[in-house]
Amino acid sequence: MIKKDDWKTLEIPTQFETFFLERTLTKKDLAYIKEGHRPEEMEDKWFMYCENNKLFIHRSWTGYCIYIVELSDNGKLKTIVNRDPQQYKETDIEQDKLQLYILINRLVKQNEENARLMKLFFERRKS
């Protein structure tokens, strides 16, 4: 199980926004998520760990906290997203949602859906 102290991490800044991610998590999903993720190579840009039933998602190179997701099985995940422009440039909630679906799918080992989501993520970024 990955822990906060396994990587350089910074707290989420005071500039943030809150939204809900619609995603139902099974007990198996929650077990995978609670294992977390530590990057193994430079191309892997995310460090993720769970603490107090929250998933913390940090950029691996800087340690910036980008997302905090309150885990639940009710289908709505309350999410805090970093909005400090010095740490995170994204401002579009829909892009954040796509990014989170991709990251959560990765944790719960549902990568087959990620190709479609990543295509949509990059198409939206171009427009």
Protein backbone atom coordinates (compact mmCIF):
# COMPACT_ATOMS: atom_id res chain seq x y z
CA MET A 1 0.00 0.00 0.00
CA ILE A 2 1.42 3.36 -1.08
CA LYS A 3 1.65 6.03 1.60
CA LYS A 4 2.03 9.82 1.49
CA ASP A 5 5.62 9.60 2.76
CA ASP A 6 6.61 7.39 -0.20
CA TRP A 7 6.99 10.48 -2.41
CA LYS A 8 7.56 14.22 -2.23
CA THR A 9 4.11 15.78 -1.80
CA LEU A 10 2.76 19.28 -1.23
CA GLU A 11 -0.62 20.20 0.22
CA ILE A 12 -3.42 21.42 -2.03
CA PRO A 13 -3.28 25.24 -2.28
CA THR A 14 -5.97 27.60 -1.05
CA GLN A 15 -7.01 28.20 -4.67
CA PHE A 16 -9.24 25.25 -5.53
CA GLU A 17 -12.60 24.31 -6.99
CA THR A 18 -15.02 21.54 -6.00
CA PHE A 19 -17.11 19.31 -8.26
CA PHE A 20 -18.72 15.87 -8.26
CA LEU A 21 -17.48 13.01 -10.41
CA GLU A 22 -20.17 10.51 -11.29
CA ARG A 23 -18.56 7.12 -10.78
CA THR A 24 -19.83 4.08 -8.92
CA LEU A 25 -17.06 2.20 -7.17
CA THR A 26 -17.36 -1.45 -6.21
CA LYS A 27 -15.67 -2.95 -3.16
CA LYS A 28 -13.06 -4.41 -5.52
CA ASP A 29 -12.50 -0.96 -7.09
CA LEU A 30 -12.07 0.60 -3.65
CA ALA A 31 -9.54 -2.07 -2.68
CA TYR A 32 -7.47 -1.35 -5.82
CA ILE A 33 -7.69 2.42 -5.28
CA LYS A 34 -6.55 2.11 -1.67
CA GLU A 35 -3.38 0.38 -2.89
CA GLY A 36 -2.36 3.66 -4.58
CA HIS A 37 0.22 4.19 -7.30
CA ARG A 38 3.89 5.10 -7.26
CA PRO A 39 5.51 6.06 -10.59
CA GLU A 40 8.14 3.64 -11.85
CA GLU A 41 9.51 5.75 -14.72
CA MET A 42 9.92 9.40 -15.73
CA GLU A 43 7.00 9.27 -18.20
CA ASP A 44 4.60 8.41 -15.39
CA LYS A 45 3.35 11.77 -14.18
CA TRP A 46 1.14 10.75 -11.24
CA PHE A 47 1.61 9.68 -7.62
CA MET A 48 -1.58 8.50 -5.87
CA TYR A 49 -2.29 7.38 -2.34
CA CYS A 50 -5.27 7.02 0.00
CA GLU A 51 -5.63 8.47 3.44
CA ASN A 52 -8.80 8.83 5.56
CA ASN A 53 -10.98 7.50 2.73
CA LYS A 54 -9.69 10.12 0.28
CA LEU A 55 -7.63 9.59 -2.85
CA PHE A 56 -4.84 12.16 -3.18
CA ILE A 57 -3.43 12.64 -6.67
CA HIS A 58 -0.12 14.50 -7.05
CA ARG A 59 2.07 15.37 -10.00
CA SER A 60 5.07 13.12 -9.65
CA TRP A 61 7.73 15.62 -10.76
CA THR A 62 6.65 18.56 -8.60
CA GLY A 63 4.69 16.96 -5.77
CA TYR A 64 1.80 19.38 -6.37
CA CYS A 65 -1.55 18.04 -5.17
CA ILE A 66 -3.91 18.29 -8.14
CA TYR A 67 -6.94 16.31 -6.97
CA ILE A 68 -8.46 15.06 -3.74
CA VAL A 69 -11.32 12.61 -4.27
CA GLU A 70 -13.58 11.59 -1.40
CA LEU A 71 -14.20 7.89 -1.92
CA SER A 72 -17.71 6.48 -1.63
CA ASP A 73 -19.93 3.87 -3.22
CA ASN A 74 -22.91 6.19 -3.77
CA GLY A 75 -22.03 7.11 -7.37
CA LYS A 76 -20.97 10.71 -6.68
CA LEU A 77 -17.37 11.39 -5.73
CA LYS A 78 -16.78 14.83 -4.24
CA THR A 79 -13.59 16.16 -5.79
CA ILE A 80 -11.34 19.11 -5.01
CA VAL A 81 -9.14 20.33 -7.87
CA ASN A 82 -6.11 22.61 -7.65
CA ARG A 83 -6.71 25.99 -9.30
CA ASP A 84 -3.40 27.68 -8.52
CA PRO A 85 -2.25 28.72 -12.02
CA GLN A 86 1.39 28.42 -10.94
CA GLN A 87 0.84 24.73 -10.16
CA TYR A 88 -1.88 23.59 -12.54
CA LYS A 89 -3.01 25.28 -15.75
CA GLU A 90 -6.25 23.40 -16.44
CA THR A 91 -9.44 25.39 -15.78
CA ASP A 92 -12.06 23.22 -17.51
CA ILE A 93 -14.01 20.93 -15.14
CA GLU A 94 -14.93 18.60 -18.01
CA GLN A 95 -11.24 18.08 -18.81
CA ASP A 96 -10.59 17.41 -15.13
CA LYS A 97 -13.38 14.84 -15.09
CA LEU A 98 -11.92 13.05 -18.11
CA GLN A 99 -8.47 13.08 -16.51
CA LEU A 100 -9.88 11.61 -13.30
CA TYR A 101 -11.81 8.88 -15.12
CA ILE A 102 -8.55 7.90 -16.84
CA LEU A 103 -6.57 7.90 -13.57
CA ILE A 104 -9.21 5.97 -11.64
CA ASN A 105 -9.58 3.43 -14.46
CA ARG A 106 -5.84 2.91 -14.28
CA LEU A 107 -6.02 2.25 -10.54
CA VAL A 108 -8.96 -0.16 -10.82
CA LYS A 109 -7.37 -1.91 -13.80
CA GLN A 110 -10.02 -0.93 -16.36
CA ASN A 111 -7.58 0.33 -18.96
CA GLU A 112 -9.64 -0.82 -21.96
CA GLU A 113 -11.89 2.25 -21.63
CA ASN A 114 -8.94 4.64 -21.38
CA ALA A 115 -8.10 4.72 -25.09
CA ARG A 116 -11.52 6.24 -25.84
CA LEU A 117 -11.29 8.65 -22.89
CA MET A 118 -7.78 9.79 -23.81
CA LYS A 119 -8.87 10.47 -27.39
CA LEU A 120 -11.76 12.58 -26.09
CA PHE A 121 -9.44 14.36 -23.62
CA PHE A 122 -7.01 15.39 -26.38
CA GLU A 123 -9.76 16.32 -28.84
CA ARG A 124 -11.32 18.66 -26.26
CA ARG A 125 -7.92 20.19 -25.53
CA LYS A 126 -7.46 21.13 -29.19
CA SER A 127 -10.76 23.04 -29.39
